[in-house]
Protein backbone atom coordinates (compact mmCIF):
# COMPACT_ATOMS: atom_id res chain seq x y z
CA MET A 1 196.84 159.47 -85.68
CA HIS A 2 193.11 158.74 -85.80
CA THR A 3 190.68 161.36 -84.55
CA GLU A 4 187.15 162.55 -85.04
CA PRO A 5 186.64 165.98 -86.62
CA GLN A 6 186.21 167.71 -83.26
CA HIS A 7 188.99 167.79 -80.67
CA ASP A 8 187.25 169.25 -77.62
CA PHE A 9 188.68 166.87 -75.09
CA ALA A 10 191.54 169.03 -73.80
CA PRO A 11 191.49 172.74 -72.84
CA PRO A 12 193.98 175.04 -74.57
CA ARG A 13 197.12 176.00 -72.69
CA PRO A 14 199.35 179.08 -73.02
CA LEU A 15 202.23 178.89 -75.44
CA ALA A 16 205.51 178.75 -73.61
CA GLY A 17 207.72 179.17 -76.68
CA LEU A 18 206.46 182.56 -78.01
CA ASP A 19 209.36 185.04 -78.20
CA ARG A 20 208.33 188.71 -77.79
CA SER A 21 211.67 189.93 -79.13
CA GLU A 22 210.51 189.03 -82.65
CA ASP A 23 208.27 192.13 -82.89
CA GLY A 24 210.57 194.43 -80.85
CA PRO A 25 212.15 196.26 -83.81
CA ALA A 26 208.82 196.86 -85.57
CA LEU A 27 207.25 198.12 -82.35
CA ALA A 28 210.20 200.45 -81.67
CA ALA A 29 209.98 201.76 -85.24
CA TRP A 30 206.25 202.45 -84.75
CA HIS A 31 207.00 204.51 -81.64
CA ALA A 32 209.87 206.33 -83.34
CA ALA A 33 207.69 207.21 -86.34
CA TRP A 34 205.00 208.58 -84.06
CA ALA A 35 207.53 210.63 -82.07
CA VAL A 36 208.85 212.17 -85.30
CA ALA A 37 205.35 212.92 -86.63
CA ALA A 38 204.19 214.50 -83.35
CA ALA A 39 207.41 216.54 -83.07
CA LEU A 40 207.03 217.85 -86.64
CA LEU A 41 203.42 218.78 -85.86
CA ALA A 42 204.45 220.70 -82.75
CA LEU A 43 207.39 222.47 -84.36
CA GLY A 44 205.66 223.15 -87.68
CA GLY A 45 202.52 224.43 -86.01
CA ARG A 46 204.55 226.65 -83.76
CA TRP A 47 206.52 228.05 -86.71
CA LEU A 48 203.33 228.71 -88.65
CA GLY A 49 201.69 230.24 -85.60
CA ALA A 50 198.83 227.73 -85.63
CA VAL A 51 199.92 226.02 -82.41
CA ASP A 52 200.69 227.92 -79.22
CA GLY A 53 200.25 227.84 -75.48
CA ALA A 54 198.74 224.78 -73.83
CA VAL A 55 197.99 223.02 -77.14
CA PHE A 56 201.72 223.06 -77.97
CA TYR A 57 202.58 221.45 -74.67
CA GLY A 58 199.82 218.88 -75.21
CA ILE A 59 201.46 217.83 -78.51
CA VAL A 60 204.89 217.73 -76.87
CA ALA A 61 203.47 215.44 -74.14
CA MET A 62 202.46 212.96 -76.88
CA VAL A 63 206.03 212.93 -78.21
CA VAL A 64 207.41 211.54 -74.92
CA PRO A 65 205.92 207.98 -75.01
CA GLY A 66 207.06 207.69 -78.63
CA LEU A 67 210.62 208.41 -77.61
CA ILE A 68 210.43 206.04 -74.64
CA GLY A 69 209.05 203.29 -76.89
CA VAL A 70 212.33 203.22 -78.84
CA GLY A 71 213.80 201.60 -75.71
CA LEU A 72 211.90 198.40 -76.57
CA LEU A 73 214.91 197.55 -78.72
CA ILE A 74 216.81 197.04 -75.44
CA ARG A 75 214.18 195.66 -73.04
CA ASN A 76 211.03 194.14 -74.47
CA ARG A 77 209.21 192.29 -71.71
CA GLN A 78 205.62 192.33 -70.57
CA ALA A 79 206.38 194.58 -67.61
CA GLU A 80 208.10 197.21 -69.76
CA ARG A 81 205.20 197.19 -72.25
CA LEU A 82 202.62 197.76 -69.53
CA LEU A 83 204.68 200.65 -68.08
CA LEU A 84 204.94 202.16 -71.54
CA LEU A 85 201.16 201.91 -71.97
CA ALA A 86 200.75 203.72 -68.66
CA GLY A 87 202.97 206.46 -70.14
CA TRP A 88 200.70 206.63 -73.21
CA GLY A 89 197.67 206.99 -70.97
CA LEU A 90 199.32 209.78 -68.96
CA ALA A 91 200.36 211.64 -72.13
CA ALA A 92 196.83 211.37 -73.52
CA VAL A 93 195.40 212.72 -70.24
CA MET A 94 197.76 215.72 -70.44
CA ALA A 95 197.00 216.38 -74.10
CA ALA A 96 193.26 216.21 -73.49
CA SER A 97 193.51 218.44 -70.43
CA PHE A 98 195.53 221.09 -72.31
CA SER A 99 193.37 221.09 -75.47
CA GLY A 100 189.80 220.57 -74.22
CA GLY A 101 189.43 216.81 -74.67
CA LEU A 102 187.13 215.42 -77.31
CA SER A 103 185.88 218.91 -78.20
CA GLY A 104 189.39 220.33 -78.71
CA PRO A 105 191.86 220.30 -81.60
CA LEU A 106 193.77 217.28 -80.23
CA ALA A 107 190.70 215.02 -79.83
CA GLY A 108 192.27 212.33 -82.02
CA PHE A 109 195.17 211.95 -79.60
CA VAL A 110 192.76 210.68 -76.93
CA PHE A 111 192.58 207.32 -78.79
CA LEU A 112 196.33 206.83 -79.13
CA PRO A 113 196.65 204.63 -75.92
CA LEU A 114 194.26 202.15 -77.53
CA ALA A 115 196.31 202.17 -80.75
CA ALA A 116 199.48 201.58 -78.70
CA GLY A 117 197.77 198.67 -76.90
CA LEU A 118 196.87 197.11 -80.25
CA ALA A 119 200.44 197.54 -81.46
CA MET A 120 201.89 195.83 -78.40
CA GLY A 121 199.47 192.91 -78.67
CA GLY A 122 197.70 190.85 -76.07
CA SER A 123 194.36 191.29 -74.39
CA ARG A 124 195.87 192.88 -71.29
CA ALA A 125 197.66 195.56 -73.36
CA VAL A 126 194.43 196.40 -75.19
CA GLN A 127 192.57 196.64 -71.87
CA VAL A 128 195.20 198.98 -70.41
CA GLY A 129 195.09 201.11 -73.59
CA ALA A 130 191.28 201.33 -73.45
CA LEU A 131 191.54 202.40 -69.82
CA GLY A 132 193.95 205.16 -70.85
CA VAL A 133 191.45 206.36 -73.50
CA GLY A 134 188.71 206.53 -70.89
CA LEU A 135 190.85 208.49 -68.44
CA ALA A 136 191.93 210.93 -71.19
CA ALA A 137 188.30 211.52 -72.23
CA LEU A 138 187.28 212.22 -68.62
CA ALA A 139 190.28 214.55 -68.12
CA GLY A 140 189.29 216.49 -71.25
CA LEU A 141 185.71 216.78 -70.04
CA PHE A 142 186.77 218.24 -66.69
CA SER A 143 189.15 220.66 -68.41
CA THR A 144 186.30 222.11 -70.51
CA LEU A 145 184.29 222.68 -67.35
CA LEU A 146 187.10 224.44 -65.52
CA VAL A 147 188.90 226.52 -68.16
CA ASP A 148 188.14 228.15 -71.53
CA VAL A 149 188.76 225.74 -74.40
CA GLY A 150 190.04 228.47 -76.70
CA PRO A 151 189.31 229.10 -80.40
CA HIS A 152 188.09 226.27 -82.65
CA ARG A 153 190.92 224.93 -84.86
CA PRO A 154 189.47 222.60 -87.46
CA VAL A 155 192.72 222.23 -89.44
CA LEU A 156 194.70 221.16 -86.38
CA ALA A 157 191.91 218.79 -85.30
CA THR A 158 191.92 217.22 -88.77
CA ILE A 159 195.70 216.80 -88.78
CA ALA A 160 195.59 215.23 -85.27
CA ALA A 161 192.84 212.82 -86.36
CA LEU A 162 194.78 211.87 -89.51
CA LEU A 163 197.95 211.26 -87.48
CA THR A 164 195.98 209.08 -85.04
CA ALA A 165 194.44 207.11 -87.91
CA GLY A 166 197.85 206.80 -89.53
CA ALA A 167 199.25 205.38 -86.26
CA ALA A 168 196.29 203.04 -85.77
CA ILE A 169 196.67 201.34 -89.16
CA PRO A 170 200.22 199.97 -88.58
CA ALA A 171 199.23 199.23 -84.95
CA VAL A 172 196.44 196.96 -86.18
CA ARG A 173 198.88 195.44 -88.65
CA LEU A 174 201.35 194.73 -85.83
CA SER A 175 198.59 193.19 -83.76
CA TRP A 176 197.52 191.01 -86.71
CA ARG A 177 201.08 189.83 -87.25
CA GLN A 178 201.40 188.92 -83.59
CA GLY A 179 198.15 186.95 -83.81
CA GLU A 180 199.40 185.11 -86.91
CA ARG A 181 202.68 184.35 -85.17
CA ARG A 182 200.84 183.02 -82.11
CA LEU A 183 198.65 180.88 -84.32
CA GLY A 184 201.72 179.56 -86.14
CA HIS A 185 203.37 178.70 -82.82
CA ALA A 186 200.20 176.96 -81.66
CA GLU A 187 199.90 174.93 -84.87
CA ALA A 188 203.58 173.96 -84.69
CA GLU A 189 203.14 172.93 -81.06
CA VAL A 190 200.09 170.84 -81.96
CA ARG A 191 201.97 169.17 -84.80
CA ARG A 192 204.92 168.48 -82.52
CA LEU A 193 202.72 166.94 -79.84
CA GLU A 194 200.83 164.89 -82.40
CA SER A 195 204.10 163.61 -83.83
CA LEU A 196 205.31 162.79 -80.34
CA MET A 197 202.07 160.96 -79.49
CA ALA A 198 202.09 159.10 -82.80
CA ALA A 199 205.68 157.93 -82.26
CA GLN A 200 205.08 156.40 -78.83
CA GLY A 201 205.34 152.64 -78.45
CA GLY A 202 201.81 152.11 -77.12
CA LEU A 203 198.35 153.28 -78.06
CA THR A 204 196.75 156.21 -76.21
CA LEU A 205 192.97 156.61 -76.38
CA VAL A 206 190.72 159.43 -75.23
CA VAL A 207 187.47 157.79 -74.16
CA LEU A 208 184.09 159.11 -73.03
CA PRO A 209 182.58 157.74 -69.79
CA ASP A 210 180.30 155.43 -71.84
CA GLY A 211 183.31 153.85 -73.59
CA GLN A 212 183.12 155.73 -76.89
CA VAL A 213 186.56 156.55 -78.30
CA ARG A 214 187.08 160.21 -79.24
CA ALA A 215 190.76 160.14 -80.26
CA ALA A 216 193.60 157.67 -80.70
CA TYR A 217 197.33 158.34 -80.79
CA GLY A 218 200.35 156.12 -81.20
CA ARG A 219 201.06 152.69 -82.58
CA PRO A 220 198.38 150.06 -81.81
CA PRO A 221 199.62 146.73 -80.38
CA ALA A 222 199.64 143.67 -82.61
CA GLY A 223 196.20 142.20 -83.14
CA VAL A 224 194.39 145.49 -82.43
CA SER A 225 192.77 147.66 -85.09
CA VAL A 226 191.93 151.29 -84.37
CA ASP A 227 188.91 151.62 -86.68
CA PRO A 228 186.68 149.20 -84.70
CA LEU A 229 187.45 151.20 -81.57
CA PHE A 230 185.81 154.28 -83.10
CA ALA A 231 182.94 152.29 -84.58
CA GLU A 232 182.10 150.02 -81.62
CA GLY A 233 183.69 151.63 -78.58
CA LEU A 234 186.28 150.34 -76.15
CA ILE A 235 184.04 148.00 -74.15
CA THR A 236 182.62 145.99 -77.05
CA THR A 237 186.06 145.39 -78.54
CA ALA A 238 187.07 143.46 -75.39
CA HIS A 239 186.44 139.73 -74.96
CA ALA A 240 183.09 139.21 -73.18
CA PRO A 241 184.51 137.63 -69.98
CA ASP A 242 186.88 140.60 -69.58
CA ARG A 243 184.19 143.29 -69.89
CA PRO A 244 183.14 143.36 -66.20
CA ALA A 245 186.76 143.99 -65.16
CA LEU A 246 187.07 146.71 -67.84
CA LEU A 247 183.83 148.39 -66.67
CA ALA A 248 185.08 148.32 -63.08
CA ALA A 249 188.36 149.92 -64.20
CA LEU A 250 186.46 152.65 -66.10
CA SER A 251 184.35 153.37 -63.03
CA LYS A 252 187.44 153.54 -60.83
CA ALA A 253 189.17 155.92 -63.25
CA LEU A 254 186.08 158.18 -63.34
CA SER A 255 186.25 158.41 -59.55
CA GLY A 256 189.74 159.91 -59.87
CA GLN A 257 191.83 156.81 -59.15
CA ASP A 258 194.24 155.30 -61.66
CA ALA A 259 193.26 151.78 -62.71
CA THR A 260 195.01 148.93 -64.53
CA VAL A 261 193.31 145.97 -66.20
CA ARG A 262 194.34 143.21 -68.59
CA ILE A 263 191.95 142.19 -71.36
CA ALA A 264 191.88 139.98 -74.43
CA PRO A 265 190.85 141.71 -77.70
CA ARG A 266 187.68 140.16 -79.13
CA GLY A 267 189.36 139.78 -82.52
CA ALA A 268 192.58 138.20 -81.17
CA LEU A 269 191.84 136.00 -78.17
CA ASP A 270 195.39 134.63 -78.12
CA ARG A 271 196.76 138.07 -77.25
CA ARG A 272 196.53 140.27 -74.14
CA LEU A 273 196.41 144.04 -73.68
CA GLN A 274 197.46 145.90 -70.55
CA LEU A 275 195.30 149.02 -70.12
CA HIS A 276 196.18 151.91 -67.79
CA LEU A 277 193.25 154.29 -67.21
CA SER A 278 193.27 157.77 -65.68
CA ARG A 279 190.77 160.64 -65.54
CA LEU A 280 191.06 163.81 -67.64
CA ASP A 281 188.80 166.78 -66.84
CA ALA A 282 187.69 168.61 -70.00
CA VAL A 283 185.55 171.70 -70.52
CA ASP A 284 182.41 169.75 -71.41
CA GLY A 285 182.86 166.87 -68.99
CA PRO A 286 185.28 164.20 -67.83
CA ARG A 287 187.24 162.00 -70.20
CA ILE A 288 189.34 158.87 -69.60
CA VAL A 289 192.85 158.53 -70.98
CA VAL A 290 193.55 154.88 -71.77
CA GLN A 291 197.08 153.72 -72.51
CA ALA A 292 197.18 150.28 -74.15
CA PHE A 293 200.32 148.13 -74.26
CA ASP A 294 200.97 144.66 -75.62
CA ALA A 295 201.03 142.27 -72.63
CA THR A 296 201.14 139.08 -74.70
CA PRO A 297 204.82 138.23 -73.93
CA GLN A 298 204.23 138.73 -70.22
CA TYR A 299 201.04 136.66 -70.41
CA ALA A 300 202.88 133.86 -72.21
CA HIS A 301 205.64 133.97 -69.59
CA GLU A 302 203.09 133.70 -66.78
CA LEU A 303 201.43 130.75 -68.53
CA GLY A 304 204.82 129.06 -68.78
CA LEU A 305 205.49 129.62 -65.08
CA GLU A 306 202.05 128.29 -64.19
CA ALA A 307 202.59 125.19 -66.31
CA ALA A 308 206.02 124.64 -64.74
CA ARG A 309 204.57 125.03 -61.26
CA PHE A 310 201.77 122.56 -62.03
CA GLU A 311 204.28 120.10 -63.45
CA ALA A 312 206.50 120.43 -60.37
CA GLU A 313 203.55 119.94 -58.04
CA THR A 314 202.45 116.90 -60.04
CA ARG A 315 205.96 115.42 -59.84
CA GLU A 316 206.13 116.11 -56.11
CA ALA A 317 202.72 114.53 -55.54
CA GLY A 318 203.76 111.52 -57.60
CA LYS A 319 206.95 111.16 -55.59
CA THR A 320 205.01 111.36 -52.33
CA ARG A 321 202.49 108.77 -53.52
CA PHE A 322 205.35 106.53 -54.63
CA LEU A 323 206.99 106.76 -51.20
CA ALA A 324 203.71 105.99 -49.47
CA ASN A 325 203.06 102.96 -51.67
CA MET A 326 206.63 101.70 -51.32
CA SER A 327 206.46 102.12 -47.56
CA HIS A 328 203.41 99.86 -47.47
CA GLU A 329 205.11 97.35 -49.75
CA LEU A 330 208.27 97.28 -47.62
CA ARG A 331 206.55 97.15 -44.26
CA THR A 332 204.62 93.92 -44.98
CA PRO A 333 207.66 91.65 -45.64
CA LEU A 334 209.68 93.45 -43.00
CA ASN A 335 207.11 92.57 -40.34
CA ALA A 336 207.56 88.89 -41.32
CA VAL A 337 211.34 89.22 -41.03
CA LEU A 338 210.97 90.76 -37.57
CA GLY A 339 208.58 88.04 -36.51
CA PHE A 340 210.91 85.20 -37.58
CA ALA A 341 213.90 86.97 -36.00
CA ASP A 342 211.98 87.33 -32.75
CA MET A 343 211.08 83.60 -32.79
CA MET A 344 214.77 82.76 -33.26
CA ARG A 345 215.76 85.10 -30.41
CA GLN A 346 213.29 83.40 -28.05
CA ARG A 347 214.43 79.86 -29.22
CA LEU A 348 210.80 78.83 -29.62
CA PHE A 349 211.77 75.78 -31.75
CA GLY A 350 214.84 74.76 -29.88
CA PRO A 351 218.32 76.05 -29.03
CA LEU A 352 220.58 77.88 -31.48
CA PRO A 353 224.34 78.21 -31.54
CA ASP A 354 225.49 81.38 -29.77
CA ARG A 355 226.71 82.93 -33.01
CA TYR A 356 223.36 82.39 -34.76
CA GLY A 357 221.58 83.81 -31.70
CA GLU A 358 223.74 86.93 -32.02
CA TYR A 359 222.82 87.19 -35.70
CA ALA A 360 219.12 86.92 -34.82
CA ASP A 361 219.51 89.75 -32.31
CA ASN A 362 221.21 91.93 -34.95
CA ILE A 363 218.52 91.12 -37.52
CA HIS A 364 215.78 92.04 -35.06
CA GLU A 365 217.47 95.29 -34.03
CA ALA A 366 218.22 96.39 -37.61
CA GLY A 367 214.74 95.39 -38.74
CA GLY A 368 213.12 97.38 -35.93
CA HIS A 369 215.18 100.43 -36.87
CA LEU A 370 214.19 100.00 -40.51
CA LEU A 371 210.51 99.60 -39.57
CA ASP A 372 210.62 102.84 -37.57
CA LEU A 373 212.14 104.60 -40.55
CA ILE A 374 209.47 103.22 -42.91
CA ASN A 375 206.68 104.25 -40.53
CA ASP A 376 208.09 107.78 -40.32
CA VAL A 377 208.46 108.01 -44.12
CA LEU A 378 204.89 106.79 -44.50
CA ASP A 379 203.53 109.44 -42.14
CA VAL A 380 205.60 112.22 -43.72
CA SER A 381 204.45 111.16 -47.18
CA LYS A 382 200.81 111.22 -46.09
CA ILE A 383 201.17 114.69 -44.62
CA GLU A 384 202.96 116.09 -47.68
CA ALA A 385 200.36 114.49 -49.97
CA GLU A 386 197.61 116.02 -47.78
CA ARG A 387 196.21 112.54 -47.24
CA TYR A 388 196.75 112.47 -43.49
CA THR A 389 193.32 112.88 -41.89
CA LEU A 390 193.00 113.65 -38.20
CA SER A 391 190.57 111.47 -36.28
CA LEU A 392 189.43 113.81 -33.50
CA GLU A 393 188.01 112.44 -30.27
CA ARG A 394 187.80 113.51 -26.65
CA PHE A 395 190.08 111.79 -24.16
CA ASP A 396 192.38 112.34 -21.20
CA ALA A 397 195.79 113.36 -22.56
CA ARG A 398 197.50 111.88 -19.47
CA GLU A 399 196.57 108.34 -20.59
CA ILE A 400 198.23 108.72 -24.01
CA ILE A 401 201.32 110.36 -22.56
CA SER A 402 201.62 107.64 -19.88
CA ALA A 403 201.32 104.91 -22.51
CA ALA A 404 204.12 106.50 -24.55
CA VAL A 405 206.31 106.73 -21.45
CA ALA A 406 205.72 103.05 -20.77
CA LEU A 407 206.83 102.12 -24.28
CA VAL A 408 210.05 104.13 -24.05
CA ARG A 409 210.90 103.12 -20.47
CA VAL A 410 212.51 99.80 -21.49
CA THR A 411 214.89 101.56 -23.87
CA ALA A 412 215.66 104.22 -21.26
CA ASP A 413 216.46 101.59 -18.64
CA ASP A 414 218.71 99.73 -21.08
CA ARG A 415 220.67 102.95 -21.78
CA GLY A 416 220.87 103.94 -18.12
CA VAL A 417 218.73 107.06 -18.56
CA SER A 418 216.30 108.18 -15.86
CA LEU A 419 212.81 108.73 -17.32
CA SER A 420 210.10 110.57 -15.34
CA ALA A 421 206.77 112.25 -15.99
CA VAL A 422 205.16 115.24 -14.30
CA LEU A 423 201.40 115.30 -15.00
CA PRO A 424 198.46 117.11 -13.35
CA SER A 425 196.38 115.28 -10.74
CA GLU A 426 193.12 116.14 -12.51
CA PRO A 427 192.17 114.93 -16.03
CA VAL A 428 193.49 116.91 -19.00
CA GLU A 429 190.59 116.53 -21.44
CA VAL A 430 191.44 117.28 -25.06
CA SER A 431 189.83 116.94 -28.49
CA ALA A 432 192.60 115.62 -30.70
CA ASP A 433 193.87 112.65 -32.68
CA LYS A 434 194.97 109.96 -30.21
CA ARG A 435 197.44 108.36 -32.56
CA ALA A 436 198.99 111.71 -33.47
CA LEU A 437 199.42 112.77 -29.82
CA LYS A 438 200.99 109.39 -29.01
CA GLN A 439 203.31 109.70 -32.02
CA ILE A 440 204.35 113.20 -30.92
CA THR A 441 205.13 112.00 -27.40
CA LEU A 442 206.96 108.87 -28.57
CA ASN A 443 209.12 110.78 -31.04
CA LEU A 444 210.10 113.41 -28.50
CA LEU A 445 210.87 110.83 -25.80
CA SER A 446 212.78 108.55 -28.19
CA ASN A 447 214.90 111.47 -29.40
CA ALA A 448 215.61 112.60 -25.85
CA VAL A 449 216.61 109.12 -24.66
CA LYS A 450 218.66 108.49 -27.79
CA PHE A 451 220.82 111.59 -27.35
CA THR A 452 221.14 111.49 -23.56
CA PRO A 453 224.20 109.63 -22.23
CA ALA A 454 224.01 107.11 -19.39
CA GLY A 455 223.32 108.75 -16.06
CA GLY A 456 221.30 111.51 -17.66
CA ALA A 457 217.62 112.29 -17.17
CA VAL A 458 214.59 112.82 -19.41
CA THR A 459 211.43 114.49 -18.09
CA VAL A 460 208.06 114.84 -19.81
CA SER A 461 205.43 117.27 -18.53
CA SER A 462 202.02 118.33 -19.73
CA GLU A 463 199.27 120.72 -18.68
CA ALA A 464 196.29 122.61 -20.07
CA VAL A 465 196.61 126.40 -20.19
CA GLY A 466 193.29 127.81 -21.23
CA SER A 467 192.41 126.14 -24.51
CA TRP A 468 196.01 125.09 -25.15
CA LEU A 469 197.64 121.77 -24.35
CA GLU A 470 201.34 122.13 -23.58
CA LEU A 471 203.60 119.08 -23.85
CA ALA A 472 207.29 119.50 -22.98
CA VAL A 473 210.13 116.97 -23.06
CA ALA A 474 213.44 118.04 -21.48
CA ASP A 475 216.70 116.12 -21.29
CA THR A 476 220.23 116.54 -19.98
CA GLY A 477 221.77 115.24 -23.18
CA VAL A 478 224.35 116.54 -25.64
CA GLY A 479 222.31 119.57 -26.67
CA ILE A 480 222.08 121.26 -30.07
CA ALA A 481 224.18 124.06 -31.54
CA PRO A 482 222.26 127.34 -32.21
CA GLU A 483 222.88 127.13 -35.98
CA ASP A 484 221.42 123.60 -36.05
CA VAL A 485 218.28 124.51 -34.08
CA LYS A 486 217.03 126.59 -37.01
CA ARG A 487 217.22 123.59 -39.37
CA LEU A 488 215.61 120.97 -37.18
CA GLY A 489 211.97 120.26 -37.85
CA ARG A 490 212.43 119.85 -41.61
CA PRO A 491 212.42 116.33 -43.10
CA PHE A 492 215.80 114.51 -42.97
CA GLU A 493 217.51 117.40 -41.15
CA GLN A 494 219.90 116.22 -38.42
CA ALA A 495 222.30 117.88 -35.99
CA GLY A 496 225.46 116.90 -34.17
CA ALA A 497 228.44 114.77 -35.10
CA ILE A 498 228.41 111.84 -37.52
CA GLU A 499 228.06 109.33 -34.67
CA GLN A 500 224.97 111.15 -33.40
CA ARG A 501 223.39 111.42 -36.85
CA ARG A 502 223.73 107.67 -37.36
CA GLN A 503 221.34 107.15 -34.46
CA GLY A 504 218.40 108.85 -36.17
CA THR A 505 216.72 109.47 -39.53
CA GLY A 506 215.93 113.17 -39.31
CA LEU A 507 212.18 112.52 -39.51
CA GLY A 508 211.19 112.46 -35.82
CA LEU A 509 211.04 116.21 -35.17
CA SER A 510 209.66 116.80 -38.66
CA LEU A 511 206.70 114.56 -37.83
CA VAL A 512 206.21 116.27 -34.47
CA ARG A 513 206.11 119.71 -36.10
CA ALA A 514 203.79 118.53 -38.91
CA LEU A 515 201.34 116.79 -36.55
CA ALA A 516 201.29 119.80 -34.23
CA GLU A 517 200.56 122.15 -37.12
CA LEU A 518 197.76 119.85 -38.34
CA HIS A 519 196.15 120.49 -34.95
CA GLY A 520 196.69 124.25 -35.36
CA GLY A 521 199.65 124.28 -32.99
CA GLN A 522 203.41 124.75 -33.09
CA MET A 523 206.69 123.29 -31.87
CA SER A 524 209.59 125.19 -30.31
CA ILE A 525 213.12 124.05 -29.40
CA ASP A 526 215.31 125.48 -26.63
CA SER A 527 218.75 123.93 -26.35
CA THR A 528 222.23 124.59 -25.00
CA LEU A 529 225.12 122.64 -26.45
CA GLY A 530 226.52 120.21 -23.86
CA GLU A 531 223.74 120.87 -21.32
CA GLY A 532 220.53 119.52 -22.80
CA THR A 533 217.43 120.23 -24.88
CA ALA A 534 213.78 121.11 -24.20
CA VAL A 535 211.15 120.69 -26.91
CA THR A 536 207.70 122.18 -26.31
CA VAL A 537 204.56 121.48 -28.33
CA ARG A 538 201.52 123.74 -27.92
CA MET A 539 198.18 122.83 -29.52
CA PRO A 540 194.74 124.48 -29.09
CA VAL A 541 192.99 121.19 -28.30
CA ALA A 542 192.14 121.48 -24.58
CA VAL A 543 188.39 121.12 -23.98
CA ALA A 544 188.21 122.98 -20.69
CA ALA A 545 190.53 125.35 -18.88
CA ARG A 546 192.53 124.00 -16.05
CA ALA A 547 191.10 124.49 -12.53
CA PRO A 548 192.60 127.31 -10.47
CA VAL A 549 195.89 126.47 -8.79
CA PRO A 550 195.23 125.67 -5.10
CA GLU A 551 196.85 127.75 -2.44
CA GLY A 552 200.31 126.50 -1.74
CA GLY A 553 200.96 125.23 -5.27
CA ALA A 554 199.84 122.30 -7.42
CA GLU A 555 200.25 118.76 -6.23
CA ILE A 556 202.56 116.67 -8.45
CA ILE A 557 201.68 112.99 -8.62
CA ALA A 558 204.05 110.39 -10.07
CA LEU A 559 202.00 107.80 -11.95
CA PRO A 560 202.48 104.18 -10.87
CA LEU A 561 203.88 103.10 -14.24
CA MET A 562 206.73 105.59 -13.88
CA GLY A 563 208.06 103.92 -10.77
CA GLY A 564 211.80 104.09 -10.25
CA GLY A 565 213.49 106.17 -12.81
């Protein structure tokens, strides 16, 4: 333990381990000796004729508390001691009243309650004994005013004074022994606490509000020396960049709130200390108790986790960049393949055998599917790499939605699916990315047509609700199981049977969700297996609120390009 010469930082506390039974026999012997001495005085004086009448009864009264005090061998608690002192005070009052108080032959007996208080020990016992002396002196004074004191008896007064002095000497000795025993208990308690504090795993400091260290207990963490703490203070031993945080923690602890801070020692910058600070109110002002623990292993673990996270993010970013680059590299030759296949399908350079024409159709269809997949992968990669930048402009959302419907209509007609659009009669002006809104609509319509059997229907609707644009695509297709709905919207997640999964890539809804969230919106899916699916996209991109609904309901206009369906 390292401390300064003065330890004034903590107020003393009562000793809980002091056993009063240790002085019980000595205290009982003191009472018994007094009872014997007083009884011999009464009987001897009576036999010699020197003590008679009221004086005799006054001496007998002083014998009683001595006899009662022998009972301390059986019960020796604070309550019994105070009751016994009350008995001493009452006996002294009686003796003083019978003998004339301080002017009578038993004047010395007046001070016996104080001697008994000293013998029993403790400030309260001495106070009660002093009170008994005062009451006995007053009782003796009143007795001299009311009755005749009687003849002067100097021999008896001398004997009474000598007996009182003889009782006071061992009483003071008993009191001194109790004080020594209390001091020994206190010193042992201090040594025990110091040993306990020194054996703790961390370092405990007692610090002044200005950062000066008054005491240090325990084992200092590696890389920390206690001597500089006393010489320079807690604040200056911390690494300079960590001092503002340490000062803030000290201020917080002074306000009565516990504080925790991590610092690097100035002499060991590769290590870290975790400090826990709390306020301690002392007699001469507040102190701060600082518990210091070695946080270097935890700090090293956090550095390892941070490095691993950075490495994972770097790998993920590299993978995304690789996919984006590869998508570009694949799309260029694939476009040439599609172009040549299309030329062969249209027989631009002459007729082809039927079998080769069928091959050209298969090449064109497979190439188109592959191109869609590459485009989706490219967009997903851009979004994950945070390289997808929205190009915001103001336009009528109905135009983009109608264009997407026109692109999907051919496929819908080929599959025997009815495709219709329900759009407002007035413009729906939005501030959004045209390409993104078209991609959202195309993906939703393509998915709906793809998973709707012949004879089914797909409907797209859109409207502005306040500042929100709502786009909904509903179909009467195969639907989605509830457990699959939760997964959809993540890249490469698909639902349904194997035959259904072969029709898609699992990127369509992922792109829809990502593009909607880039606009600050969201996507929701409502589906019933075997009955159909409705996907709704809401984005806060509407420029103006929609006009009030006219009386009788809104007019629904089918755009010309939707014709038949």
